Amino acid sequence: MRHHSFLSIAAVILLAACATDPTTPPENSTFPLTASVSETGRCTASVMGRNYESNGKIRGDLPPRFTGTLSDREYHGLGCIVDNPAGEGDLTIVFSGNRFGQPLAVGTYQVVTEILGGSPLLRANVAFRSSSIEAERLATFDGGRGTVVVDSVANGGRRIRVDADVFFFARRVF
């Protein structure tokens, strides 16, 4: 009985030691993602050799200025359904800070794994799901290459450009 308990404890310790951080990509498992969302509502995304696009399928903060819509949160963002002959995709961009009733702040945003309450300003999380890519979702990560750039255009609208590395993000314990 004593050996059985020892073996059980050893197995649990071994499994815990083998567990990796699900929010950090393993080596050589990142993919470049480029995307844009225009003040006219046009969305594009390119990842893993596939290109997606749509017009007018945005939810959340809406064009032309992407004015914040959440009054009681420390974040805001948008989602965009994009199409490809192989399937549909969903691009989401979440920005740190509360911009309720204000246009999206112009600047260069550092990409992170998650936007949490109290996240520093000028941080963004980018995620992408697709019916043609077998993954829970692709997402940016802390320390990853890339940025989200928000520019102001002549009419006061905003143009969003994403150029970042993503990985197969999944929340799991082991």
C-alpha atoms as a PDB file:
ATOM      1  CA  MET A   1       0.000   0.000   0.000  1.00  0.00           C
ATOM      2  CA  ARG A   2       2.863   2.327   0.849  1.00  0.00           C
ATOM      3  CA  HIS A   3       4.425   1.753  -2.604  1.00  0.00           C
ATOM      4  CA  HIS A   4       1.079   2.426  -4.299  1.00  0.00           C
ATOM      5  CA  SER A   5       0.755   5.835  -2.575  1.00  0.00           C
ATOM      6  CA  PHE A   6       4.345   6.706  -3.411  1.00  0.00           C
ATOM      7  CA  LEU A   7       3.797   5.805  -7.078  1.00  0.00           C
ATOM      8  CA  SER A   8       0.610   7.885  -7.240  1.00  0.00           C
ATOM      9  CA  ILE A   9       2.359  10.923  -5.790  1.00  0.00           C
ATOM     10  CA  ALA A  10       5.317  10.452  -8.143  1.00  0.00           C
ATOM     11  CA  ALA A  11       2.968  10.264 -11.148  1.00  0.00           C
ATOM     12  CA  VAL A  12       1.238  13.513 -10.165  1.00  0.00           C
ATOM     13  CA  ILE A  13       4.591  15.269  -9.707  1.00  0.00           C
ATOM     14  CA  LEU A  14       5.819  13.979 -13.072  1.00  0.00           C
ATOM     15  CA  LEU A  15       2.671  15.185 -14.839  1.00  0.00           C
ATOM     16  CA  ALA A  16       2.965  18.600 -13.219  1.00  0.00           C
ATOM     17  CA  ALA A  17       6.594  18.859 -14.281  1.00  0.00           C
ATOM     18  CA  CYS A  18       5.660  18.036 -17.880  1.00  0.00           C
ATOM     19  CA  ALA A  19       2.862  20.575 -18.042  1.00  0.00           C
ATOM     20  CA  THR A  20       3.661  23.617 -20.113  1.00  0.00           C
ATOM     21  CA  ASP A  21       2.244  27.100 -19.873  1.00  0.00           C
ATOM     22  CA  PRO A  22      -0.757  27.065 -22.261  1.00  0.00           C
ATOM     23  CA  THR A  23      -0.301  30.777 -22.931  1.00  0.00           C
ATOM     24  CA  THR A  24       3.266  30.469 -24.219  1.00  0.00           C
ATOM     25  CA  PRO A  25       3.961  28.915 -27.614  1.00  0.00           C
ATOM     26  CA  PRO A  26       6.299  25.948 -27.972  1.00  0.00           C
ATOM     27  CA  GLU A  27       9.345  26.580 -30.149  1.00  0.00           C
ATOM     28  CA  ASN A  28       8.730  26.880 -33.903  1.00  0.00           C
ATOM     29  CA  SER A  29       4.950  26.968 -33.520  1.00  0.00           C
ATOM     30  CA  THR A  30       4.140  30.584 -34.335  1.00  0.00           C
ATOM     31  CA  PHE A  31       2.576  31.926 -37.508  1.00  0.00           C
ATOM     32  CA  PRO A  32       2.521  35.477 -38.896  1.00  0.00           C
ATOM     33  CA  LEU A  33      -0.901  37.126 -38.950  1.00  0.00           C
ATOM     34  CA  THR A  34      -1.582  40.337 -40.823  1.00  0.00           C
ATOM     35  CA  ALA A  35      -4.954  42.021 -40.689  1.00  0.00           C
ATOM     36  CA  SER A  36      -6.594  45.369 -41.235  1.00  0.00           C
ATOM     37  CA  VAL A  37      -9.876  46.985 -40.306  1.00  0.00           C
ATOM     38  CA  SER A  38     -10.746  50.194 -42.115  1.00  0.00           C
ATOM     39  CA  GLU A  39     -12.910  53.162 -41.240  1.00  0.00           C
ATOM     40  CA  THR A  40     -15.292  51.996 -43.996  1.00  0.00           C
ATOM     41  CA  GLY A  41     -15.844  48.591 -42.353  1.00  0.00           C
ATOM     42  CA  ARG A  42     -13.607  46.509 -44.600  1.00  0.00           C
ATOM     43  CA  CYS A  43     -11.759  43.706 -42.792  1.00  0.00           C
ATOM     44  CA  THR A  44      -8.924  41.559 -44.076  1.00  0.00           C
ATOM     45  CA  ALA A  45      -6.842  38.831 -42.462  1.00  0.00           C
ATOM     46  CA  SER A  46      -4.045  36.629 -43.723  1.00  0.00           C
ATOM     47  CA  VAL A  47      -2.671  33.659 -41.780  1.00  0.00           C
ATOM     48  CA  MET A  48      -1.229  30.239 -42.602  1.00  0.00           C
ATOM     49  CA  GLY A  49      -1.339  30.921 -46.349  1.00  0.00           C
ATOM     50  CA  ARG A  50      -5.030  31.796 -46.358  1.00  0.00           C
ATOM     51  CA  ASN A  51      -6.569  35.199 -47.059  1.00  0.00           C
ATOM     52  CA  TYR A  52      -9.910  36.316 -45.646  1.00  0.00           C
ATOM     53  CA  GLU A  53     -11.951  39.469 -46.194  1.00  0.00           C
ATOM     54  CA  SER A  54     -15.347  41.049 -45.672  1.00  0.00           C
ATOM     55  CA  ASN A  55     -17.139  44.349 -45.706  1.00  0.00           C
ATOM     56  CA  GLY A  56     -19.544  45.566 -43.014  1.00  0.00           C
ATOM     57  CA  LYS A  57     -19.426  42.520 -40.730  1.00  0.00           C
ATOM     58  CA  ILE A  58     -18.023  44.279 -37.641  1.00  0.00           C
ATOM     59  CA  ARG A  59     -19.393  44.024 -34.101  1.00  0.00           C
ATOM     60  CA  GLY A  60     -18.385  45.834 -30.903  1.00  0.00           C
ATOM     61  CA  ASP A  61     -16.660  49.201 -31.408  1.00  0.00           C
ATOM     62  CA  LEU A  62     -17.933  50.306 -34.808  1.00  0.00           C
ATOM     63  CA  PRO A  63     -16.406  52.315 -37.655  1.00  0.00           C
ATOM     64  CA  PRO A  64     -15.580  54.937 -38.633  1.00  0.00           C
ATOM     65  CA  ARG A  65     -13.993  55.944 -35.291  1.00  0.00           C
ATOM     66  CA  PHE A  66     -14.403  52.639 -33.381  1.00  0.00           C
ATOM     67  CA  THR A  67     -16.003  54.472 -30.467  1.00  0.00           C
ATOM     68  CA  GLY A  68     -15.973  52.490 -27.205  1.00  0.00           C
ATOM     69  CA  THR A  69     -19.270  50.754 -26.397  1.00  0.00           C
ATOM     70  CA  LEU A  70     -18.627  49.264 -22.935  1.00  0.00           C
ATOM     71  CA  SER A  71     -19.224  51.648 -20.040  1.00  0.00           C
ATOM     72  CA  ASP A  72     -18.262  49.334 -17.189  1.00  0.00           C
ATOM     73  CA  ARG A  73     -15.173  47.497 -18.469  1.00  0.00           C
ATOM     74  CA  GLU A  74     -11.436  48.178 -18.485  1.00  0.00           C
ATOM     75  CA  TYR A  75     -11.202  47.060 -22.101  1.00  0.00           C
ATOM     76  CA  HIS A  76     -12.992  47.472 -25.413  1.00  0.00           C
ATOM     77  CA  GLY A  77     -12.687  45.970 -28.838  1.00  0.00           C
ATOM     78  CA  LEU A  78     -14.190  44.679 -32.008  1.00  0.00           C
ATOM     79  CA  GLY A  79     -14.806  41.527 -33.910  1.00  0.00           C
ATOM     80  CA  CYS A  80     -15.051  40.981 -37.616  1.00  0.00           C
ATOM     81  CA  ILE A  81     -16.393  37.991 -39.537  1.00  0.00           C
ATOM     82  CA  VAL A  82     -14.223  37.392 -42.605  1.00  0.00           C
ATOM     83  CA  ASP A  83     -14.749  35.006 -45.492  1.00  0.00           C
ATOM     84  CA  ASN A  84     -12.572  32.654 -47.504  1.00  0.00           C
ATOM     85  CA  PRO A  85     -13.629  30.067 -50.109  1.00  0.00           C
ATOM     86  CA  ALA A  86     -12.478  27.352 -47.657  1.00  0.00           C
ATOM     87  CA  GLY A  87     -14.538  28.732 -44.750  1.00  0.00           C
ATOM     88  CA  GLU A  88     -15.409  31.572 -42.446  1.00  0.00           C
ATOM     89  CA  GLY A  89     -13.066  33.287 -39.984  1.00  0.00           C
ATOM     90  CA  ASP A  90     -13.495  35.507 -36.942  1.00  0.00           C
ATOM     91  CA  LEU A  91     -10.926  38.199 -36.154  1.00  0.00           C
ATOM     92  CA  THR A  92     -11.138  39.815 -32.707  1.00  0.00           C
ATOM     93  CA  ILE A  93      -9.039  42.666 -31.335  1.00  0.00           C
ATOM     94  CA  VAL A  94      -9.329  43.674 -27.681  1.00  0.00           C
ATOM     95  CA  PHE A  95      -7.707  46.921 -26.489  1.00  0.00           C
ATOM     96  CA  SER A  96      -6.767  47.841 -22.913  1.00  0.00           C
ATOM     97  CA  GLY A  97      -8.476  50.761 -21.206  1.00  0.00           C
ATOM     98  CA  ASN A  98     -12.010  52.104 -21.172  1.00  0.00           C
ATOM     99  CA  ARG A  99     -12.868  54.287 -24.196  1.00  0.00           C
ATOM    100  CA  PHE A 100     -16.621  54.425 -23.626  1.00  0.00           C
ATOM    101  CA  GLY A 101     -18.053  57.120 -25.869  1.00  0.00           C
ATOM    102  CA  GLN A 102     -14.586  58.014 -27.191  1.00  0.00           C
ATOM    103  CA  PRO A 103     -12.872  57.048 -30.448  1.00  0.00           C
ATOM    104  CA  LEU A 104     -10.155  54.408 -30.463  1.00  0.00           C
ATOM    105  CA  ALA A 105      -6.882  55.966 -29.332  1.00  0.00           C
ATOM    106  CA  VAL A 106      -4.312  56.485 -32.088  1.00  0.00           C
ATOM    107  CA  GLY A 107      -0.982  54.780 -31.424  1.00  0.00           C
ATOM    108  CA  THR A 108       1.069  51.613 -31.528  1.00  0.00           C
ATOM    109  CA  TYR A 109      -0.224  48.855 -29.262  1.00  0.00           C
ATOM    110  CA  GLN A 110       1.980  46.075 -27.876  1.00  0.00           C
ATOM    111  CA  VAL A 111       0.462  42.609 -28.374  1.00  0.00           C
ATOM    112  CA  VAL A 112      -0.218  40.472 -25.299  1.00  0.00           C
ATOM    113  CA  THR A 113      -1.857  37.162 -24.372  1.00  0.00           C
ATOM    114  CA  GLU A 114      -4.820  38.660 -22.525  1.00  0.00           C
ATOM    115  CA  ILE A 115      -6.270  42.013 -21.567  1.00  0.00           C
ATOM    116  CA  LEU A 116      -7.078  41.960 -17.868  1.00  0.00           C
ATOM    117  CA  GLY A 117      -8.426  44.614 -15.519  1.00  0.00           C
ATOM    118  CA  GLY A 118      -5.590  47.022 -14.831  1.00  0.00           C
ATOM    119  CA  SER A 119      -3.668  46.179 -18.008  1.00  0.00           C
ATOM    120  CA  PRO A 120      -1.406  49.063 -19.069  1.00  0.00           C
ATOM    121  CA  LEU A 121      -2.698  51.299 -21.843  1.00  0.00           C
ATOM    122  CA  LEU A 122      -1.661  50.659 -25.455  1.00  0.00           C
ATOM    123  CA  ARG A 123      -1.931  46.867 -25.152  1.00  0.00           C
ATOM    124  CA  ALA A 124      -3.949  44.676 -27.516  1.00  0.00           C
ATOM    125  CA  ASN A 125      -4.848  41.023 -27.829  1.00  0.00           C
ATOM    126  CA  VAL A 126      -5.545  39.662 -31.294  1.00  0.00           C
ATOM    127  CA  ALA A 127      -7.262  36.322 -31.858  1.00  0.00           C
ATOM    128  CA  PHE A 128      -8.383  34.495 -34.967  1.00  0.00           C
ATOM    129  CA  ARG A 129     -10.633  31.473 -35.397  1.00  0.00           C
ATOM    130  CA  SER A 130     -11.426  29.777 -38.664  1.00  0.00           C
ATOM    131  CA  SER A 131     -13.583  26.879 -39.748  1.00  0.00           C
ATOM    132  CA  SER A 132     -10.734  25.817 -42.064  1.00  0.00           C
ATOM    133  CA  ILE A 133      -7.978  25.779 -39.397  1.00  0.00           C
ATOM    134  CA  GLU A 134      -8.202  23.030 -36.801  1.00  0.00           C
ATOM    135  CA  ALA A 135      -7.478  24.942 -33.609  1.00  0.00           C
ATOM    136  CA  GLU A 136      -9.405  26.400 -30.724  1.00  0.00           C
ATOM    137  CA  ARG A 137      -8.000  29.757 -31.776  1.00  0.00           C
ATOM    138  CA  LEU A 138      -4.830  31.467 -32.888  1.00  0.00           C
ATOM    139  CA  ALA A 139      -3.781  34.304 -30.574  1.00  0.00           C
ATOM    140  CA  THR A 140      -1.022  36.767 -29.790  1.00  0.00           C
ATOM    141  CA  PHE A 141       1.137  36.159 -26.742  1.00  0.00           C
ATOM    142  CA  ASP A 142       3.216  38.048 -24.186  1.00  0.00           C
ATOM    143  CA  GLY A 143       6.651  38.843 -25.578  1.00  0.00           C
ATOM    144  CA  GLY A 144       5.596  37.921 -29.109  1.00  0.00           C
ATOM    145  CA  ARG A 145       6.635  39.769 -32.234  1.00  0.00           C
ATOM    146  CA  GLY A 146       4.244  42.331 -33.535  1.00  0.00           C
ATOM    147  CA  THR A 147       2.039  45.321 -32.991  1.00  0.00           C
ATOM    148  CA  VAL A 148      -1.393  46.721 -33.638  1.00  0.00           C
ATOM    149  CA  VAL A 149      -1.183  50.201 -35.166  1.00  0.00           C
ATOM    150  CA  VAL A 150      -4.134  52.592 -35.088  1.00  0.00           C
ATOM    151  CA  ASP A 151      -3.955  55.586 -37.432  1.00  0.00           C
ATOM    152  CA  SER A 152      -6.312  58.517 -37.861  1.00  0.00           C
ATOM    153  CA  VAL A 153      -7.520  59.237 -41.388  1.00  0.00           C
ATOM    154  CA  ALA A 154      -8.577  62.589 -42.873  1.00  0.00           C
ATOM    155  CA  ASN A 155     -12.258  62.330 -41.847  1.00  0.00           C
ATOM    156  CA  GLY A 156     -11.370  61.491 -38.201  1.00  0.00           C
ATOM    157  CA  GLY A 157     -11.969  57.791 -38.709  1.00  0.00           C
ATOM    158  CA  ARG A 158      -9.527  55.115 -37.596  1.00  0.00           C
ATOM    159  CA  ARG A 159      -7.612  52.500 -39.555  1.00  0.00           C
ATOM    160  CA  ILE A 160      -6.300  49.451 -37.676  1.00  0.00           C
ATOM    161  CA  ARG A 161      -3.354  47.365 -38.899  1.00  0.00           C
ATOM    162  CA  VAL A 162      -2.165  44.136 -37.280  1.00  0.00           C
ATOM    163  CA  ASP A 163       1.211  42.539 -37.939  1.00  0.00           C
ATOM    164  CA  ALA A 164       1.958  39.942 -35.276  1.00  0.00           C
ATOM    165  CA  ASP A 165       2.882  36.353 -34.571  1.00  0.00           C
ATOM    166  CA  VAL A 166       0.135  34.060 -33.261  1.00  0.00           C
ATOM    167  CA  PHE A 167       0.064  30.508 -31.946  1.00  0.00           C
ATOM    168  CA  PHE A 168      -2.509  27.783 -31.273  1.00  0.00           C
ATOM    169  CA  PHE A 169      -3.880  29.075 -27.982  1.00  0.00           C
ATOM    170  CA  ALA A 170      -5.767  26.699 -25.715  1.00  0.00           C
ATOM    171  CA  ARG A 171      -6.476  26.839 -22.016  1.00  0.00           C
ATOM    172  CA  ARG A 172      -5.717  23.451 -20.544  1.00  0.00           C
ATOM    173  CA  VAL A 173      -4.041  22.184 -17.411  1.00  0.00           C
ATOM    174  CA  PHE A 174      -1.999  19.325 -18.894  1.00  0.00           C
END
